Amino acid sequence: MIVMRPYTMRDSIELSQTIHEVCANSPWMSTRSFIPTKAWIHAMEREDCRYHQLLIAETKGEAVGWCRSFPSDCESSRHHAELGIGLLPQYRNRGIGSELIVRSLEWAKFVGLHTVELTVSPQNSIAVHVFAKCGFKPVDTHDNKLLMAICLS
């Protein structure tokens, strides 16, 4: 059984290992190893911060995926977030990713965000399909990345 829940700091090591494994084994991730950015460090050290959300998918106490909504790097980041998601291969195509995205979008609406964006490789047709199913629309392409967004207001 898969449980989806908010991240807590006790998840730090296991989540880092899961993210690293997904990065190392996915042709779609932008990096092959998990090197936390400032936003990741903030989220992993401040689980109660209302400006981001980090969800964990777990089974039998082990993290198998995540979905994060972090403020965008734009000036008005209080109203925009960037979504990122990853699942270990054996847990894909089960609806887990869609459920994580739906929960993240519910949180984004609740905290008053206007827009949630993400980037995805256009060749990753399964991910593009899942994001479109969840309401994301293509906005732009740049450097072989597809920018997709959903307006919440």
Protein backbone atom coordinates (compact mmCIF):
# COMPACT_ATOMS: atom_id res chain seq x y z
CA MET A 1 0.00 0.00 0.00
CA ILE A 2 1.30 3.43 -0.94
CA VAL A 3 0.94 6.25 1.59
CA MET A 4 1.24 9.87 0.50
CA ARG A 5 2.07 12.37 3.20
CA PRO A 6 3.96 15.58 3.92
CA TYR A 7 7.72 15.32 4.31
CA THR A 8 9.23 15.43 7.79
CA MET A 9 12.88 15.97 8.61
CA ARG A 10 13.25 12.33 9.64
CA ASP A 11 12.71 11.52 5.91
CA SER A 12 15.80 13.48 4.87
CA ILE A 13 18.29 10.65 4.31
CA GLU A 14 15.82 8.24 2.71
CA LEU A 15 14.34 10.92 0.44
CA SER A 16 17.81 12.02 -0.65
CA GLN A 17 18.66 8.41 -1.54
CA THR A 18 15.41 7.99 -3.50
CA ILE A 19 15.95 11.22 -5.42
CA HIS A 20 19.53 10.21 -6.17
CA GLU A 21 18.38 6.80 -7.44
CA VAL A 22 15.73 8.35 -9.70
CA CYS A 23 18.24 10.88 -11.05
CA ALA A 24 20.89 8.22 -11.67
CA ASN A 25 18.52 5.94 -13.57
CA SER A 26 16.31 8.31 -15.53
CA PRO A 27 17.18 9.77 -18.92
CA TRP A 28 14.68 12.57 -18.21
CA MET A 29 16.21 14.13 -15.10
CA SER A 30 18.43 17.16 -15.61
CA THR A 31 21.14 15.74 -13.34
CA ARG A 32 22.47 12.24 -12.65
CA SER A 33 22.90 12.80 -8.92
CA PHE A 34 20.98 14.69 -6.28
CA ILE A 35 22.76 17.89 -5.36
CA PRO A 36 20.32 19.91 -3.25
CA THR A 37 19.69 23.48 -4.37
CA LYS A 38 18.97 26.27 -1.88
CA ALA A 39 15.25 25.59 -2.33
CA TRP A 40 15.72 21.88 -1.56
CA ILE A 41 17.84 22.63 1.49
CA HIS A 42 15.24 25.09 2.75
CA ALA A 43 12.40 22.58 2.22
CA MET A 44 14.27 19.74 3.88
CA GLU A 45 15.30 21.82 6.89
CA ARG A 46 12.04 23.74 7.37
CA GLU A 47 9.19 21.28 7.01
CA ASP A 48 6.65 23.80 8.40
CA CYS A 49 7.41 26.64 5.96
CA ARG A 50 4.16 27.64 4.27
CA TYR A 51 5.87 28.77 1.06
CA HIS A 52 6.68 25.28 -0.19
CA GLN A 53 5.27 21.79 -0.07
CA LEU A 54 7.14 18.51 -0.19
CA LEU A 55 5.12 15.29 -0.36
CA ILE A 56 6.48 11.78 0.06
CA ALA A 57 5.08 8.58 -1.42
CA GLU A 58 6.09 5.63 0.71
CA THR A 59 5.43 1.97 1.17
CA LYS A 60 6.54 -0.15 4.11
CA GLY A 61 8.30 2.90 5.55
CA GLU A 62 10.43 3.46 2.45
CA ALA A 63 10.24 6.55 0.24
CA VAL A 64 9.41 5.57 -3.34
CA GLY A 65 8.73 9.04 -4.72
CA TRP A 66 8.14 12.70 -4.06
CA CYS A 67 6.39 15.77 -5.38
CA ARG A 68 7.61 19.23 -4.54
CA SER A 69 6.15 22.68 -5.05
CA PHE A 70 8.75 25.38 -4.48
CA PRO A 71 8.50 29.12 -5.08
CA SER A 72 9.55 30.11 -8.58
CA ASP A 73 12.68 32.18 -9.04
CA CYS A 74 10.61 35.08 -10.33
CA GLU A 75 10.07 38.34 -8.44
CA SER A 76 6.49 37.57 -7.47
CA SER A 77 7.27 34.07 -6.21
CA ARG A 78 4.61 34.40 -3.53
CA HIS A 79 2.09 33.67 -6.29
CA HIS A 80 3.94 31.12 -8.42
CA ALA A 81 5.49 27.73 -7.73
CA GLU A 82 7.56 25.24 -9.64
CA LEU A 83 6.50 21.61 -9.41
CA GLY A 84 8.88 18.67 -9.58
CA ILE A 85 8.12 14.99 -9.19
CA GLY A 86 9.90 11.66 -9.27
CA LEU A 87 9.08 8.01 -8.67
CA LEU A 88 11.21 4.91 -8.58
CA PRO A 89 10.63 2.98 -11.84
CA GLN A 90 8.74 0.09 -10.27
CA TYR A 91 6.10 2.53 -8.90
CA ARG A 92 5.35 4.36 -12.15
CA ASN A 93 2.17 3.94 -14.19
CA ARG A 94 0.06 3.21 -11.11
CA GLY A 95 -1.57 6.63 -10.64
CA ILE A 96 0.78 7.56 -7.79
CA GLY A 97 2.32 10.48 -9.67
CA SER A 98 -1.09 11.83 -10.68
CA GLU A 99 -2.28 11.65 -7.07
CA LEU A 100 0.83 13.45 -5.83
CA ILE A 101 0.29 16.19 -8.43
CA VAL A 102 -3.41 16.58 -7.54
CA ARG A 103 -2.54 16.92 -3.85
CA SER A 104 0.15 19.48 -4.66
CA LEU A 105 -2.29 21.51 -6.75
CA GLU A 106 -4.85 21.40 -3.92
CA TRP A 107 -2.22 22.78 -1.56
CA ALA A 108 -1.23 25.46 -4.10
CA LYS A 109 -4.85 26.63 -4.38
CA PHE A 110 -5.24 26.58 -0.59
CA VAL A 111 -2.22 28.84 -0.04
CA GLY A 112 -3.32 31.22 -2.79
CA LEU A 113 -0.84 30.50 -5.55
CA HIS A 114 -1.88 31.72 -8.99
CA THR A 115 0.29 29.56 -11.20
CA VAL A 116 2.20 26.29 -10.95
CA GLU A 117 4.82 25.59 -13.62
CA LEU A 118 7.08 22.70 -14.50
CA THR A 119 9.59 21.75 -17.13
CA VAL A 120 9.67 18.40 -18.85
CA SER A 121 11.47 16.86 -21.78
CA PRO A 122 9.04 16.84 -24.73
CA GLN A 123 10.32 13.33 -25.53
CA ASN A 124 9.04 12.10 -22.15
CA SER A 125 5.58 11.52 -23.60
CA ILE A 126 4.25 9.65 -20.57
CA ALA A 127 5.08 12.54 -18.22
CA VAL A 128 3.71 15.11 -20.68
CA HIS A 129 0.47 13.09 -20.84
CA VAL A 130 0.21 12.86 -17.02
CA PHE A 131 0.81 16.59 -16.60
CA ALA A 132 -1.77 17.42 -19.29
CA LYS A 133 -4.26 15.05 -17.62
CA CYS A 134 -3.75 17.02 -14.39
CA GLY A 135 -4.52 20.31 -16.19
CA PHE A 136 -1.09 21.61 -17.22
CA LYS A 137 -0.89 23.30 -20.63
CA PRO A 138 2.20 23.77 -22.81
CA VAL A 139 3.45 27.35 -22.56
CA ASP A 140 6.88 27.47 -24.22
CA THR A 141 9.87 25.41 -25.31
CA HIS A 142 13.45 26.36 -24.59
CA ASP A 143 16.70 24.36 -24.66
CA ASN A 144 14.79 21.18 -25.55
CA LYS A 145 12.57 21.57 -22.47
CA LEU A 146 8.83 22.03 -22.51
CA LEU A 147 7.44 24.56 -20.04
CA MET A 148 3.96 23.65 -18.86
CA ALA A 149 1.76 25.63 -16.49
CA ILE A 150 -1.60 25.57 -14.81
CA CYS A 151 -3.48 28.70 -13.73
CA LEU A 152 -5.21 28.21 -10.38
CA SER A 153 -7.03 31.54 -10.03
